[in-house]
N, C-alpha and C. Protein backbone atom coordinates (compact mmCIF):
# COMPACT_ATOMS: atom_id res chain seq x y z
N UNK A 1 0.84 -1.18 0.00
CA UNK A 1 0.00 0.00 0.00
C UNK A 1 0.89 1.24 0.00
N UNK A 2 0.51 2.22 -0.78
CA UNK A 2 1.27 3.46 -0.91
C UNK A 2 0.99 4.37 0.28
N UNK A 3 2.05 4.92 0.86
CA UNK A 3 1.90 5.84 1.99
C UNK A 3 2.28 7.23 1.53
N UNK A 4 1.44 8.18 1.83
CA UNK A 4 1.75 9.57 1.53
C UNK A 4 2.63 10.11 2.64
N UNK A 5 3.65 10.85 2.27
CA UNK A 5 4.59 11.38 3.25
C UNK A 5 4.39 12.88 3.41
N UNK A 6 4.48 13.32 4.65
CA UNK A 6 4.28 14.74 4.95
C UNK A 6 5.47 15.56 4.45
N UNK A 7 5.27 16.84 4.35
CA UNK A 7 6.33 17.75 3.94
C UNK A 7 7.49 17.68 4.94
N UNK A 8 7.18 17.46 6.22
CA UNK A 8 8.23 17.36 7.23
C UNK A 8 9.09 16.12 7.00
N UNK A 9 8.45 15.00 6.66
CA UNK A 9 9.21 13.77 6.37
C UNK A 9 10.10 13.97 5.14
N UNK A 10 9.55 14.59 4.12
CA UNK A 10 10.32 14.84 2.90
C UNK A 10 11.52 15.73 3.20
N UNK A 11 11.26 16.79 3.95
CA UNK A 11 12.31 17.75 4.30
C UNK A 11 13.43 17.06 5.10
N UNK A 12 13.05 16.23 6.07
CA UNK A 12 14.03 15.54 6.89
C UNK A 12 14.86 14.56 6.06
N UNK A 13 14.22 13.79 5.20
CA UNK A 13 14.94 12.83 4.36
C UNK A 13 15.96 13.54 3.48
N UNK A 14 15.56 14.64 2.86
CA UNK A 14 16.46 15.40 2.00
C UNK A 14 17.60 15.99 2.83
N UNK A 15 17.28 16.52 3.99
CA UNK A 15 18.30 17.11 4.87
C UNK A 15 19.35 16.07 5.26
N UNK A 16 18.89 14.87 5.62
CA UNK A 16 19.82 13.80 6.01
C UNK A 16 20.72 13.39 4.85
N UNK A 17 20.14 13.27 3.66
CA UNK A 17 20.95 12.90 2.49
C UNK A 17 21.95 14.00 2.15
N UNK A 18 21.51 15.25 2.24
CA UNK A 18 22.41 16.37 1.93
C UNK A 18 23.51 16.52 2.98
N UNK A 19 23.28 15.98 4.18
CA UNK A 19 24.30 16.06 5.23
C UNK A 19 25.38 14.99 5.07
N UNK A 20 25.19 14.10 4.10
CA UNK A 20 26.21 13.10 3.82
C UNK A 20 25.80 11.66 4.05
N UNK A 21 24.64 11.43 4.66
CA UNK A 21 24.18 10.05 4.85
C UNK A 21 23.76 9.47 3.50
N UNK A 22 23.98 8.18 3.34
CA UNK A 22 23.62 7.55 2.07
C UNK A 22 22.11 7.45 1.92
N UNK A 23 21.68 7.41 0.69
CA UNK A 23 20.26 7.29 0.40
C UNK A 23 19.70 6.01 1.01
N UNK A 24 20.45 4.92 0.92
CA UNK A 24 20.02 3.64 1.49
C UNK A 24 19.87 3.71 3.00
N UNK A 25 20.82 4.37 3.65
CA UNK A 25 20.76 4.49 5.11
C UNK A 25 19.52 5.29 5.54
N UNK A 26 19.29 6.41 4.87
CA UNK A 26 18.13 7.25 5.19
C UNK A 26 16.84 6.48 4.93
N UNK A 27 16.81 5.73 3.84
CA UNK A 27 15.64 4.94 3.49
C UNK A 27 15.32 3.92 4.58
N UNK A 28 16.33 3.19 5.02
CA UNK A 28 16.12 2.18 6.07
C UNK A 28 15.75 2.83 7.40
N UNK A 29 16.44 3.90 7.75
CA UNK A 29 16.21 4.57 9.04
C UNK A 29 14.79 5.13 9.13
N UNK A 30 14.30 5.71 8.02
CA UNK A 30 12.99 6.37 8.05
C UNK A 30 11.86 5.46 7.56
N UNK A 31 12.20 4.30 6.98
CA UNK A 31 11.17 3.40 6.46
C UNK A 31 10.48 3.94 5.23
N UNK A 32 11.25 4.64 4.39
CA UNK A 32 10.70 5.25 3.17
C UNK A 32 11.42 4.64 1.97
N UNK A 33 10.70 4.36 0.93
CA UNK A 33 11.26 3.78 -0.27
C UNK A 33 12.37 4.66 -0.86
N UNK A 34 13.46 4.05 -1.27
CA UNK A 34 14.60 4.79 -1.84
C UNK A 34 14.18 5.62 -3.05
N UNK A 35 13.30 5.05 -3.86
CA UNK A 35 12.84 5.73 -5.07
C UNK A 35 12.18 7.07 -4.72
N UNK A 36 11.35 7.07 -3.70
CA UNK A 36 10.69 8.31 -3.28
C UNK A 36 11.72 9.36 -2.85
N UNK A 37 12.69 8.93 -2.05
CA UNK A 37 13.70 9.87 -1.58
C UNK A 37 14.52 10.42 -2.75
N UNK A 38 14.85 9.56 -3.70
CA UNK A 38 15.62 10.00 -4.87
C UNK A 38 14.84 11.07 -5.65
N UNK A 39 13.55 10.87 -5.80
CA UNK A 39 12.71 11.86 -6.50
C UNK A 39 12.72 13.18 -5.74
N UNK A 40 12.56 13.12 -4.42
CA UNK A 40 12.55 14.34 -3.61
C UNK A 40 13.88 15.07 -3.71
N UNK A 41 14.99 14.32 -3.70
CA UNK A 41 16.31 14.95 -3.83
C UNK A 41 16.46 15.67 -5.17
N UNK A 42 16.02 15.01 -6.23
CA UNK A 42 16.11 15.61 -7.56
C UNK A 42 15.27 16.88 -7.63
N UNK A 43 14.04 16.80 -7.14
CA UNK A 43 13.17 17.98 -7.17
C UNK A 43 13.73 19.10 -6.29
N UNK A 44 14.31 18.73 -5.15
CA UNK A 44 14.89 19.73 -4.25
C UNK A 44 16.06 20.44 -4.92
N UNK A 45 16.90 19.68 -5.62
CA UNK A 45 18.05 20.27 -6.30
C UNK A 45 17.61 21.19 -7.44
N UNK A 46 16.51 20.87 -8.08
CA UNK A 46 16.02 21.69 -9.19
C UNK A 46 15.22 22.91 -8.74
N UNK A 47 14.38 22.72 -7.71
CA UNK A 47 13.42 23.76 -7.34
C UNK A 47 13.53 24.25 -5.90
N UNK A 48 14.45 23.67 -5.13
CA UNK A 48 14.56 24.06 -3.73
C UNK A 48 13.38 23.53 -2.92
N UNK A 49 13.03 24.24 -1.88
CA UNK A 49 11.96 23.83 -0.97
C UNK A 49 10.63 23.59 -1.71
N UNK A 50 10.37 24.37 -2.74
CA UNK A 50 9.12 24.22 -3.49
C UNK A 50 9.01 22.84 -4.14
N UNK A 51 10.15 22.22 -4.44
CA UNK A 51 10.14 20.89 -5.04
C UNK A 51 9.64 19.80 -4.12
N UNK A 52 9.59 20.09 -2.83
CA UNK A 52 9.13 19.09 -1.86
C UNK A 52 7.63 19.17 -1.62
N UNK A 53 6.99 20.22 -2.11
CA UNK A 53 5.55 20.37 -1.92
C UNK A 53 4.80 19.35 -2.76
N UNK A 54 3.66 18.93 -2.27
CA UNK A 54 2.82 18.01 -3.03
C UNK A 54 2.18 18.77 -4.17
N UNK A 55 2.15 18.15 -5.33
CA UNK A 55 1.57 18.79 -6.50
C UNK A 55 0.31 18.04 -6.93
N UNK A 56 -0.76 18.76 -7.19
CA UNK A 56 -1.99 18.09 -7.63
C UNK A 56 -1.82 17.57 -9.06
N UNK A 57 -2.44 16.46 -9.33
CA UNK A 57 -2.40 15.90 -10.68
C UNK A 57 -3.45 16.59 -11.54
N UNK A 58 -3.05 16.95 -12.73
CA UNK A 58 -3.98 17.61 -13.65
C UNK A 58 -4.60 16.54 -14.54
N UNK A 59 -5.90 16.43 -14.51
CA UNK A 59 -6.60 15.47 -15.34
C UNK A 59 -7.15 16.19 -16.57
N UNK A 60 -6.74 15.69 -17.73
CA UNK A 60 -7.16 16.31 -18.98
C UNK A 60 -8.29 15.51 -19.61
N UNK A 61 -9.21 16.22 -20.26
CA UNK A 61 -10.25 15.50 -20.97
C UNK A 61 -9.71 15.12 -22.36
N UNK A 62 -10.50 14.39 -23.12
CA UNK A 62 -10.07 13.88 -24.42
C UNK A 62 -9.66 15.00 -25.37
N UNK A 63 -10.43 16.06 -25.44
CA UNK A 63 -10.12 17.17 -26.36
C UNK A 63 -8.79 17.84 -26.00
N UNK A 64 -8.55 18.04 -24.70
CA UNK A 64 -7.29 18.64 -24.26
C UNK A 64 -6.10 17.76 -24.62
N UNK A 65 -6.27 16.45 -24.46
CA UNK A 65 -5.20 15.52 -24.82
C UNK A 65 -4.91 15.57 -26.32
N UNK A 66 -5.96 15.62 -27.12
CA UNK A 66 -5.79 15.68 -28.58
C UNK A 66 -5.06 16.97 -28.99
N UNK A 67 -5.42 18.09 -28.38
CA UNK A 67 -4.75 19.36 -28.68
C UNK A 67 -3.26 19.29 -28.36
N UNK A 68 -2.94 18.70 -27.23
CA UNK A 68 -1.54 18.60 -26.82
C UNK A 68 -0.76 17.71 -27.78
N UNK A 69 -1.34 16.58 -28.17
CA UNK A 69 -0.66 15.67 -29.09
C UNK A 69 -0.47 16.34 -30.45
N UNK A 70 -1.48 17.02 -30.95
CA UNK A 70 -1.36 17.71 -32.24
C UNK A 70 -0.27 18.78 -32.20
N UNK A 71 -0.24 19.55 -31.13
CA UNK A 71 0.77 20.58 -30.99
C UNK A 71 2.16 19.96 -30.91
N UNK A 72 2.27 18.85 -30.22
CA UNK A 72 3.54 18.13 -30.10
C UNK A 72 4.02 17.69 -31.49
N UNK A 73 3.12 17.14 -32.27
CA UNK A 73 3.49 16.65 -33.59
C UNK A 73 3.82 17.78 -34.57
N UNK A 74 3.06 18.87 -34.50
CA UNK A 74 3.27 20.00 -35.42
C UNK A 74 4.53 20.80 -35.10
N UNK A 75 4.80 21.01 -33.82
CA UNK A 75 5.89 21.90 -33.44
C UNK A 75 7.15 21.16 -32.98
N UNK A 76 7.11 19.85 -32.93
CA UNK A 76 8.24 19.05 -32.44
C UNK A 76 8.71 19.50 -31.06
N UNK A 77 7.75 19.80 -30.20
CA UNK A 77 8.03 20.22 -28.84
C UNK A 77 7.75 19.03 -27.93
N UNK A 78 8.55 18.87 -26.87
CA UNK A 78 8.34 17.75 -25.98
C UNK A 78 6.98 17.87 -25.29
N UNK A 79 6.40 16.73 -24.96
CA UNK A 79 5.11 16.73 -24.29
C UNK A 79 5.19 17.41 -22.93
N UNK A 80 6.31 17.26 -22.26
CA UNK A 80 6.48 17.89 -20.94
C UNK A 80 6.40 19.40 -21.06
N UNK A 81 6.98 19.97 -22.12
CA UNK A 81 6.94 21.42 -22.32
C UNK A 81 5.53 21.91 -22.62
N UNK A 82 4.73 21.08 -23.25
CA UNK A 82 3.37 21.47 -23.61
C UNK A 82 2.41 21.37 -22.43
N UNK A 83 2.64 20.43 -21.56
CA UNK A 83 1.69 20.20 -20.48
C UNK A 83 1.92 21.07 -19.34
């Protein structure tokens, strides 16, 4: 079962890794999946504290998806840049 982690847990995990502890050690100590911590570290390095905030998922309807795909194909722009 997936567990949602609080901003405090995310902040602490990143702080411990940045202080020199290994990702594996922090993962075992806090009981958090290594993959989650790695994602938080990457986001923290790119965006700072804002990268640790939870982000809502944007659900697109069929028409919005079609527009994005057409724009991607016409302009050769990555899907990430369009969304």
